[in-house]
Amino acid sequence: MDLKIALSGDLPARCSDALAALAPELGMVPAAEGVPVRGHRGAALAVCCDGASVTIEWAQPIQFYRALSLLPRPLAACDIREEPCFETVGMMFDTSRNAVLRPDTLRSFLRKMALMGMNLGMMYTEDTYEVPGQPYFGYQRGRYTYEELHALDDYADMLGIELCPCVQTLGHLNRALHWPAMRRLQDNDEVLLADSEETYSFLRQILTAASAPYRSKRIHIGMDEAHGVGMGAHLRLHGYEKPYDILRRHLKRVLDIVNELGLSPMMWSDMYFRLESPTNGYYDGPMPSQQAVDAVVPGVELVYWDYYHMREAEYDEQLKKHDALHAPTVFAGGIWTWCGPAPDYDKTRTATLAGLSACRKAGVPLVFATAWGDNGAEANLYTALLGMQMFAEFTYHGSFEDEWLAQRMRVCCQADARAFWDLTLFNHMEGMRSGEFRPVNAAKMLLYQ
């Protein structure tokens, strides 16, 4: 039976609209004769109930909605206090790999994020948004309209969630650059041509279009895995230059545009490490050299992404390498949805605990989860819900126990956590061992054989 509640006191803006959206998932109904629930703006998250009335303390709107999800059912006396160990905890939605989520699907994820207490949604859109004047950008790829993104941003804001754009401004642009009309912008098949005025005119168009639907001034400008930068058309036009020099010049031009638009940028950090790695890898190089430090342009946050390591000490080491770059660093972990039709939650749990523990110790202010759809987004994104719950519960508790995760999944997702854990069994086969950087993905191999 639904719990009737009567809200009063200090409440988040648009609280009645948010509660109308969340009530069916919470099993609550706003009613004048319901249990009194009084809001109070404070320093942290607290839920106090004497069995007949409830007081909720909240510092951010998102904490008020998480607090509603913490109320015991049936209603009983409680005194719950939670203080997040990160200022911001987010979820990045990969909508660029043949799985451009419909707006209603994204709204369902945003509602679950609100109940979990996650306050940042990140829309990873390589070319899946409309850009006026660029008809081939995202053509036949399910790109979002301005109106769709603006409505999503409004919905997220109602729930206390900041929604922000995530784009690419150097690499990862194969789907856009493969059109003959765009080839003048190519350094190679994946990478934009740095130092070309046509490139920066194009980037001004996409950055303007990408940021326009959102309230947030935060933007992720990508810049990762730009393999072969300076080795294609740039080499033919200008001769050989050190990739670090090209990266720095290009980033400065991108930041000029970002600053004109009044935006606050972040970027993936791997290119600062790959150029000195013996394998072009991200994690196996030395401490950054002076030329790597000199290539960092002030005014941009670095995003350290790591979904692979299983030991906290390894994350500690990578965070120290980032400290040497003298730029603010945030962290992206991974929910292993990219290994085939079924996710790998054994790797997800171990890597998430190790990575977030290191970030908590290092004082990293912002962490977010990724759930990539590499190779065609074979795994349904809803399989990532348990991983999202892990990130949320670690943020508010500094850990996540299986029993507590299961309880929270029932409330926030109306789902059985055991069923999510069991998805991992699709990839468990006797004699097969998971490597550090690769899972066992027997389900994929068997499906396609």
Protein backbone atom coordinates (compact mmCIF):
# COMPACT_ATOMS: atom_id res chain seq x y z
CA MET A 1 0.00 0.00 0.00
CA ASP A 2 1.30 3.47 -0.88
CA LEU A 3 2.52 5.66 1.98
CA LYS A 4 0.64 8.96 2.18
CA ILE A 5 2.87 11.91 3.05
CA ALA A 6 2.23 15.60 3.69
CA LEU A 7 5.25 17.78 2.88
CA SER A 8 6.08 21.06 4.61
CA GLY A 9 9.04 23.20 5.67
CA ASP A 10 12.13 23.92 3.55
CA LEU A 11 11.69 21.98 0.34
CA PRO A 12 13.67 21.94 -2.91
CA ALA A 13 12.37 24.09 -5.75
CA ARG A 14 9.82 22.24 -7.89
CA CYS A 15 9.53 19.61 -5.17
CA SER A 16 5.87 18.91 -5.90
CA ASP A 17 6.66 18.22 -9.57
CA ALA A 18 9.60 16.00 -8.62
CA LEU A 19 7.52 14.07 -6.12
CA ALA A 20 4.80 13.53 -8.72
CA ALA A 21 7.45 11.94 -10.96
CA LEU A 22 9.05 9.89 -8.17
CA ALA A 23 5.95 8.87 -6.21
CA PRO A 24 5.10 5.78 -8.30
CA GLU A 25 8.66 4.43 -7.84
CA LEU A 26 8.73 5.33 -4.14
CA GLY A 27 5.28 3.96 -3.39
CA MET A 28 4.28 7.33 -1.90
CA VAL A 29 1.31 9.60 -2.46
CA PRO A 30 1.21 13.30 -1.53
CA ALA A 31 -1.86 13.83 0.65
CA ALA A 32 -2.92 16.50 3.14
CA GLU A 33 -3.87 13.85 5.68
CA GLY A 34 -0.63 11.87 5.22
CA VAL A 35 2.36 11.38 7.52
CA PRO A 36 3.91 14.81 8.19
CA VAL A 37 7.28 15.11 6.43
CA ARG A 38 9.06 18.36 7.22
CA GLY A 39 12.07 19.51 5.23
CA HIS A 40 14.97 21.40 6.78
CA ARG A 41 17.90 22.94 4.90
CA GLY A 42 21.07 21.88 6.69
CA ALA A 43 24.65 20.74 6.30
CA ALA A 44 24.18 17.08 5.36
CA LEU A 45 21.60 14.36 4.80
CA ALA A 46 19.56 13.19 7.79
CA VAL A 47 16.26 11.35 8.21
CA CYS A 48 14.64 11.35 11.66
CA CYS A 49 11.36 9.55 12.27
CA ASP A 50 9.51 8.95 15.53
CA GLY A 51 7.11 6.54 13.90
CA ALA A 52 4.44 9.19 13.31
CA SER A 53 6.27 12.12 11.67
CA VAL A 54 9.47 12.65 9.71
CA THR A 55 12.10 15.38 9.54
CA ILE A 56 14.47 15.46 6.57
CA GLU A 57 17.65 17.54 6.58
CA TRP A 58 19.26 18.17 3.20
CA ALA A 59 22.13 20.25 1.84
CA GLN A 60 21.43 19.62 -1.86
CA PRO A 61 18.05 18.93 -3.49
CA ILE A 62 19.29 15.48 -4.58
CA GLN A 63 19.76 14.56 -0.91
CA PHE A 64 16.11 15.29 -0.18
CA TYR A 65 14.99 12.74 -2.79
CA ARG A 66 17.51 10.15 -1.59
CA ALA A 67 16.24 10.79 1.95
CA LEU A 68 12.68 9.92 0.87
CA SER A 69 14.00 6.60 -0.45
CA LEU A 70 15.63 5.88 2.93
CA LEU A 71 12.37 6.04 4.90
CA PRO A 72 11.73 2.57 6.40
CA ARG A 73 8.72 0.71 5.08
CA PRO A 74 6.50 0.15 6.93
CA LEU A 75 7.19 3.47 8.62
CA ALA A 76 9.16 3.05 11.84
CA ALA A 77 11.36 5.10 14.17
CA CYS A 78 14.80 5.80 12.68
CA ASP A 79 17.72 8.21 12.86
CA ILE A 80 19.74 8.04 9.64
CA ARG A 81 22.66 10.35 8.86
CA GLU A 82 24.81 10.27 5.75
CA GLU A 83 27.66 12.54 4.69
CA PRO A 84 28.93 12.09 1.11
CA CYS A 85 32.64 11.48 0.66
CA PHE A 86 32.52 13.11 -2.81
CA GLU A 87 31.02 16.48 -3.69
CA THR A 88 29.62 15.12 -6.94
CA VAL A 89 28.76 11.60 -8.06
CA GLY A 90 27.58 11.06 -11.60
CA MET A 91 26.61 8.68 -14.36
CA MET A 92 27.72 9.04 -17.96
CA PHE A 93 25.27 7.78 -20.58
CA ASP A 94 26.93 6.46 -23.74
CA THR A 95 24.51 7.47 -26.48
CA SER A 96 26.98 7.21 -29.35
CA ARG A 97 27.36 3.48 -30.10
CA ASN A 98 24.26 2.51 -32.08
CA ALA A 99 22.15 2.82 -28.93
CA VAL A 100 20.90 6.39 -28.71
CA LEU A 101 18.57 6.15 -25.73
CA ARG A 102 15.08 7.54 -26.18
CA PRO A 103 14.33 10.55 -23.97
CA ASP A 104 11.76 8.60 -21.92
CA THR A 105 14.37 5.93 -21.18
CA LEU A 106 16.79 8.61 -19.99
CA ARG A 107 14.05 10.06 -17.78
CA SER A 108 13.64 6.66 -16.13
CA PHE A 109 17.38 6.59 -15.39
CA LEU A 110 17.24 10.14 -14.01
CA ARG A 111 14.46 9.14 -11.61
CA LYS A 112 16.56 6.24 -10.35
CA MET A 113 19.57 8.53 -9.99
CA ALA A 114 17.49 10.91 -7.86
CA LEU A 115 16.52 8.11 -5.47
CA MET A 116 20.14 6.92 -5.34
CA GLY A 117 21.39 10.45 -4.63
CA MET A 118 23.51 10.85 -7.79
CA ASN A 119 23.67 14.52 -8.74
CA LEU A 120 25.39 14.61 -12.16
CA GLY A 121 24.19 13.12 -15.46
CA MET A 122 26.61 13.21 -18.40
CA MET A 123 25.41 12.83 -21.99
CA TYR A 124 28.21 11.23 -24.04
CA THR A 125 27.34 12.35 -27.57
CA GLU A 126 30.10 12.05 -30.16
CA ASP A 127 27.90 13.10 -33.08
CA THR A 128 24.40 12.29 -31.81
CA TYR A 129 23.11 15.85 -31.44
CA GLU A 130 21.97 18.36 -34.04
CA VAL A 131 24.37 21.07 -35.19
CA PRO A 132 22.84 23.87 -37.27
CA GLY A 133 24.72 24.21 -40.55
CA GLN A 134 26.14 20.66 -40.36
CA PRO A 135 23.50 18.38 -41.93
CA TYR A 136 25.82 15.34 -42.04
CA PHE A 137 26.79 15.55 -38.37
CA GLY A 138 24.88 12.66 -36.81
CA TYR A 139 22.96 12.01 -40.02
CA GLN A 140 20.86 8.80 -39.67
CA ARG A 141 22.43 8.17 -36.26
CA GLY A 142 19.42 8.94 -34.06
CA ARG A 143 20.78 12.34 -33.05
CA TYR A 144 18.93 14.35 -30.41
CA THR A 145 17.20 17.60 -31.25
CA TYR A 146 17.77 20.76 -29.24
CA GLU A 147 14.20 20.47 -27.94
CA GLU A 148 14.73 16.89 -26.72
CA LEU A 149 17.93 17.75 -24.86
CA HIS A 150 16.46 20.93 -23.40
CA ALA A 151 13.45 18.98 -22.08
CA LEU A 152 15.78 16.35 -20.57
CA ASP A 153 17.82 19.07 -18.88
CA ASP A 154 14.64 20.58 -17.45
CA TYR A 155 13.55 17.17 -16.13
CA ALA A 156 16.95 16.51 -14.55
CA ASP A 157 16.96 19.95 -12.92
CA MET A 158 13.53 19.25 -11.42
CA LEU A 159 15.06 16.18 -9.73
CA GLY A 160 18.11 18.05 -8.41
CA ILE A 161 20.43 16.59 -11.06
CA GLU A 162 22.87 18.60 -13.16
CA LEU A 163 22.91 17.36 -16.77
CA CYS A 164 25.88 18.28 -18.93
CA PRO A 165 27.13 17.64 -22.48
CA CYS A 166 30.10 15.41 -23.29
CA VAL A 167 31.53 15.77 -26.79
CA GLN A 168 34.71 15.08 -28.72
CA THR A 169 36.98 17.83 -30.00
CA LEU A 170 39.93 15.85 -31.42
CA GLY A 171 39.60 12.06 -31.70
CA HIS A 172 36.69 9.59 -31.66
CA LEU A 173 35.01 11.33 -34.61
CA ASN A 174 35.08 8.58 -37.23
CA ARG A 175 31.29 8.56 -37.67
CA ALA A 176 31.32 12.26 -38.51
CA LEU A 177 34.56 12.42 -40.48
CA HIS A 178 33.74 9.52 -42.83
CA TRP A 179 31.39 11.73 -44.87
CA PRO A 180 33.05 13.20 -48.01
CA ALA A 181 31.74 16.64 -47.00
CA MET A 182 33.75 16.44 -43.76
CA ARG A 183 37.00 14.95 -45.01
CA ARG A 184 38.70 18.33 -45.27
CA LEU A 185 38.66 18.29 -41.44
CA GLN A 186 40.55 14.97 -41.16
CA ASP A 187 44.05 14.43 -39.85
CA ASN A 188 43.21 10.73 -40.08
CA ASP A 189 39.99 8.69 -40.09
CA GLU A 190 39.36 9.32 -36.37
CA VAL A 191 41.14 12.58 -35.59
CA LEU A 192 40.44 16.20 -36.49
CA LEU A 193 43.07 18.25 -38.31
CA ALA A 194 44.70 20.52 -35.75
CA ASP A 195 45.92 24.00 -36.75
CA SER A 196 43.29 24.32 -39.50
CA GLU A 197 41.00 27.34 -39.31
CA GLU A 198 38.20 25.26 -40.84
CA THR A 199 38.55 22.86 -37.90
CA TYR A 200 38.10 25.63 -35.34
CA SER A 201 35.14 27.07 -37.19
CA PHE A 202 33.59 23.58 -37.08
CA LEU A 203 34.42 23.20 -33.37
CA ARG A 204 32.81 26.55 -32.58
CA GLN A 205 29.63 25.27 -34.26
CA ILE A 206 29.54 21.95 -32.39
CA LEU A 207 30.48 23.38 -28.98
CA THR A 208 27.81 26.07 -29.32
CA ALA A 209 25.17 23.53 -30.35
CA ALA A 210 26.21 20.95 -27.75
CA SER A 211 26.05 23.36 -24.80
CA ALA A 212 22.97 25.35 -25.81
CA PRO A 213 20.26 22.99 -24.43
CA TYR A 214 21.78 22.76 -20.93
CA ARG A 215 21.71 24.96 -17.84
CA SER A 216 25.06 23.56 -16.75
CA LYS A 217 28.22 25.45 -17.59
CA ARG A 218 30.14 22.18 -17.29
CA ILE A 219 31.25 20.50 -20.54
CA HIS A 220 33.40 17.45 -21.25
CA ILE A 221 35.49 18.11 -24.37
CA GLY A 222 36.86 14.55 -24.79
CA MET A 223 40.40 14.69 -26.30
CA ASP A 224 41.09 11.01 -25.50
CA GLU A 225 42.59 8.25 -27.65
CA ALA A 226 43.56 10.64 -30.45
CA HIS A 227 45.84 8.01 -31.93
CA GLY A 228 48.10 9.20 -34.73
CA VAL A 229 47.58 12.89 -34.08
CA GLY A 230 49.90 14.87 -36.35
CA MET A 231 50.77 11.80 -38.43
CA GLY A 232 48.23 12.10 -41.27
CA ALA A 233 47.18 15.21 -43.19
CA HIS A 234 48.94 17.37 -40.57
CA LEU A 235 52.25 15.69 -41.35
CA ARG A 236 51.78 16.20 -45.08
CA LEU A 237 50.87 19.87 -44.63
CA HIS A 238 53.33 20.92 -41.94
CA GLY A 239 55.97 18.25 -41.55
CA TYR A 240 56.74 16.38 -38.35
CA GLU A 241 56.10 18.00 -34.99
CA LYS A 242 56.10 16.56 -31.50
CA PRO A 243 52.53 15.44 -30.71
CA TYR A 244 52.71 17.26 -27.35
CA ASP A 245 53.21 20.57 -29.15
CA ILE A 246 50.23 19.92 -31.45
CA LEU A 247 48.05 18.86 -28.52
CA ARG A 248 48.86 21.96 -26.52
CA ARG A 249 48.18 24.33 -29.44
CA HIS A 250 44.95 22.56 -30.31
CA LEU A 251 43.72 22.49 -26.73
CA LYS A 252 44.41 26.21 -26.33
CA ARG A 253 42.28 26.94 -29.40
CA VAL A 254 39.47 24.70 -28.12
CA LEU A 255 39.63 26.41 -24.71
CA ASP A 256 39.44 29.83 -26.37
CA ILE A 257 36.08 28.78 -27.82
CA VAL A 258 34.94 27.18 -24.55
CA ASN A 259 35.84 30.33 -22.64
CA GLU A 260 33.98 32.52 -25.15
CA LEU A 261 30.90 30.40 -24.44
CA GLY A 262 31.37 30.80 -20.68
CA LEU A 263 31.82 27.06 -20.09
CA SER A 264 33.87 25.10 -17.56
CA PRO A 265 35.71 22.25 -19.33
CA MET A 266 37.02 18.84 -18.39
CA MET A 267 38.89 16.38 -20.61
CA TRP A 268 40.15 12.81 -20.52
CA SER A 269 43.78 12.74 -19.44
CA ASP A 270 45.21 9.72 -21.26
CA MET A 271 47.01 11.52 -24.11
CA TYR A 272 49.36 13.14 -21.57
CA PHE A 273 50.53 9.65 -20.63
CA ARG A 274 50.35 7.69 -23.89
CA LEU A 275 53.01 9.70 -25.69
CA GLU A 276 55.68 8.58 -23.22
CA SER A 277 54.48 5.01 -22.78
CA PRO A 278 56.56 2.23 -24.36
CA THR A 279 53.30 0.64 -25.60
CA ASN A 280 51.18 3.77 -26.29
CA GLY A 281 49.32 2.71 -23.14
CA TYR A 282 47.76 4.86 -20.45
CA TYR A 283 49.01 3.24 -17.27
CA ASP A 284 52.47 1.81 -17.97
CA GLY A 285 54.51 4.95 -18.48
CA PRO A 286 56.80 6.80 -16.06
CA MET A 287 55.91 9.84 -13.98
CA PRO A 288 55.04 12.66 -16.40
CA SER A 289 58.04 14.40 -17.95
CA GLN A 290 58.47 18.15 -18.06
CA GLN A 291 57.21 18.22 -21.66
CA ALA A 292 54.01 16.47 -20.54
CA VAL A 293 53.59 18.99 -17.71
CA ASP A 294 54.25 21.86 -20.13
CA ALA A 295 51.57 20.51 -22.51
CA VAL A 296 48.85 20.88 -19.86
CA VAL A 297 46.82 24.03 -20.45
CA PRO A 298 45.48 25.78 -17.33
CA GLY A 299 41.73 26.04 -16.90
CA VAL A 300 40.66 22.47 -17.65
CA GLU A 301 39.97 19.56 -15.28
CA LEU A 302 41.63 16.26 -16.10
CA VAL A 303 39.50 13.12 -15.99
CA TYR A 304 41.49 10.06 -14.90
CA TRP A 305 39.59 7.08 -16.30
CA ASP A 306 40.36 3.60 -15.06
CA TYR A 307 38.08 0.55 -15.19
CA TYR A 308 40.75 -2.09 -15.08
CA HIS A 309 42.93 -2.18 -12.00
CA MET A 310 41.92 -4.41 -9.13
CA ARG A 311 44.11 -3.03 -6.32
CA GLU A 312 43.79 0.28 -4.51
CA ALA A 313 47.56 0.85 -4.61
CA GLU A 314 47.44 0.94 -8.42
CA TYR A 315 44.88 3.74 -8.35
CA ASP A 316 46.99 5.54 -5.73
CA GLU A 317 49.94 5.44 -8.12
CA GLN A 318 47.95 6.78 -11.07
CA LEU A 319 46.52 9.60 -8.94
CA LYS A 320 50.07 10.57 -7.95
CA LYS A 321 51.00 10.73 -11.64
CA HIS A 322 48.04 13.04 -12.22
CA ASP A 323 49.12 15.24 -9.31
CA ALA A 324 52.43 15.74 -11.12
CA LEU A 325 50.54 17.44 -13.99
CA HIS A 326 49.43 20.23 -11.62
CA ALA A 327 45.83 20.27 -12.84
CA PRO A 328 42.61 19.50 -10.93
CA THR A 329 41.73 15.82 -11.36
CA VAL A 330 38.40 13.97 -11.24
CA PHE A 331 37.76 10.24 -11.69
CA ALA A 332 35.75 8.03 -14.05
CA GLY A 333 35.24 4.39 -13.14
CA GLY A 334 33.50 1.71 -15.14
CA ILE A 335 30.51 -0.61 -15.02
CA TRP A 336 31.64 -3.48 -17.25
CA THR A 337 28.84 -3.43 -19.84
CA TRP A 338 31.10 -3.46 -22.91
CA CYS A 339 32.24 -7.09 -22.88
CA GLY A 340 29.21 -8.46 -24.75
CA PRO A 341 25.54 -9.16 -24.06
CA ALA A 342 26.10 -9.67 -20.31
CA PRO A 343 28.05 -7.37 -17.95
CA ASP A 344 30.90 -8.52 -15.72
CA TYR A 345 30.00 -7.57 -12.16
CA ASP A 346 32.91 -9.42 -10.56
CA LYS A 347 35.31 -6.99 -12.24
CA THR A 348 32.96 -4.06 -11.66
CA ARG A 349 32.77 -4.65 -7.91
CA THR A 350 36.51 -5.13 -7.39
CA ALA A 351 37.59 -2.22 -9.59
CA THR A 352 34.96 0.14 -8.19
CA LEU A 353 35.87 -0.53 -4.55
CA ALA A 354 39.57 -0.11 -5.25
CA GLY A 355 39.19 3.00 -7.39
CA LEU A 356 36.70 4.86 -5.21
CA SER A 357 38.65 4.00 -2.04
CA ALA A 358 41.76 5.58 -3.56
CA CYS A 359 39.78 8.64 -4.68
CA ARG A 360 38.25 9.09 -1.22
CA LYS A 361 41.70 8.95 0.38
CA ALA A 362 43.10 11.43 -2.17
CA GLY A 363 40.23 13.89 -1.74
CA VAL A 364 38.99 13.68 -5.34
CA PRO A 365 35.87 15.89 -5.45
CA LEU A 366 34.00 14.35 -8.39
CA VAL A 367 33.59 10.72 -9.46
CA PHE A 368 31.35 9.24 -12.10
CA ALA A 369 30.50 5.87 -13.58
CA THR A 370 30.72 4.98 -17.24
CA ALA A 371 28.89 2.11 -18.94
CA TRP A 372 30.35 2.05 -22.42
CA GLY A 373 28.60 0.47 -25.39
CA ASP A 374 31.70 -0.46 -27.41
CA ASN A 375 31.12 -2.61 -30.51
CA GLY A 376 27.44 -1.89 -30.88
CA ALA A 377 26.10 -1.62 -27.33
CA GLU A 378 25.29 -5.31 -26.98
CA ALA A 379 24.40 -5.10 -23.29
CA ASN A 380 21.13 -3.42 -22.34
CA LEU A 381 22.02 -0.28 -20.39
CA TYR A 382 19.55 -1.21 -17.66
CA THR A 383 22.05 -3.93 -16.69
CA ALA A 384 24.22 -1.05 -15.37
CA LEU A 385 21.78 -0.20 -12.56
CA LEU A 386 23.60 -2.30 -9.96
CA GLY A 387 26.87 -0.54 -10.80
CA MET A 388 25.19 2.85 -10.46
CA GLN A 389 23.94 1.77 -7.04
CA MET A 390 27.50 0.81 -6.08
CA PHE A 391 28.77 4.30 -6.92
CA ALA A 392 25.91 5.91 -5.01
CA GLU A 393 26.21 3.80 -1.88
CA PHE A 394 29.99 4.18 -1.75
CA THR A 395 29.54 7.95 -1.97
CA TYR A 396 27.23 8.03 1.05
CA HIS A 397 28.78 5.17 3.09
CA GLY A 398 32.40 4.72 1.98
CA SER A 399 31.66 1.11 1.00
CA PHE A 400 28.84 -1.12 -0.23
CA GLU A 401 27.82 -4.38 1.40
CA ASP A 402 25.84 -6.88 -0.65
CA GLU A 403 22.86 -6.93 1.71
CA TRP A 404 22.61 -3.13 1.77
CA LEU A 405 23.00 -2.95 -2.02
CA ALA A 406 20.17 -5.45 -2.44
CA GLN A 407 17.93 -3.43 -0.13
CA ARG A 408 18.69 -0.19 -1.98
CA MET A 409 18.13 -1.82 -5.39
CA ARG A 410 14.66 -2.90 -4.27
CA VAL A 411 13.81 0.68 -3.32
CA CYS A 412 15.56 2.70 -6.04
CA CYS A 413 15.13 0.38 -9.01
CA GLN A 414 12.33 -2.01 -7.97
CA ALA A 415 14.80 -4.72 -8.91
CA ASP A 416 16.42 -7.87 -7.50
CA ALA A 417 20.17 -7.32 -7.07
CA ARG A 418 20.77 -11.08 -7.21
CA ALA A 419 19.50 -11.16 -10.79
CA PHE A 420 22.10 -8.54 -11.74
CA TRP A 421 24.92 -10.44 -10.04
CA ASP A 422 23.80 -13.59 -11.85
CA LEU A 423 24.23 -11.94 -15.26
CA THR A 424 27.96 -12.40 -14.70
CA LEU A 425 27.43 -16.17 -14.83
CA PHE A 426 26.84 -15.91 -18.60
CA ASN A 427 30.58 -15.35 -18.90
CA HIS A 428 31.78 -17.91 -16.34
CA MET A 429 33.25 -21.01 -17.93
CA GLU A 430 35.51 -23.55 -16.29
CA GLY A 431 39.14 -23.05 -17.16
CA MET A 432 38.73 -19.46 -18.40
CA ARG A 433 40.45 -16.71 -16.46
CA SER A 434 39.78 -12.98 -16.55
CA GLY A 435 42.81 -10.82 -17.32
CA GLU A 436 43.57 -7.46 -15.77
CA PHE A 437 42.49 -5.50 -18.83
CA ARG A 438 40.10 -7.99 -20.41
CA PRO A 439 37.16 -9.90 -19.04
CA VAL A 440 36.14 -13.40 -19.93
CA ASN A 441 33.32 -12.80 -22.40
CA ALA A 442 32.20 -16.34 -23.17
CA ALA A 443 28.61 -15.19 -23.77
CA LYS A 444 29.74 -13.08 -26.72
CA MET A 445 31.98 -15.73 -28.22
CA LEU A 446 29.33 -18.43 -27.94
CA LEU A 447 26.55 -16.19 -29.26
CA TYR A 448 28.45 -15.34 -32.44
CA GLN A 449 29.66 -18.92 -32.97
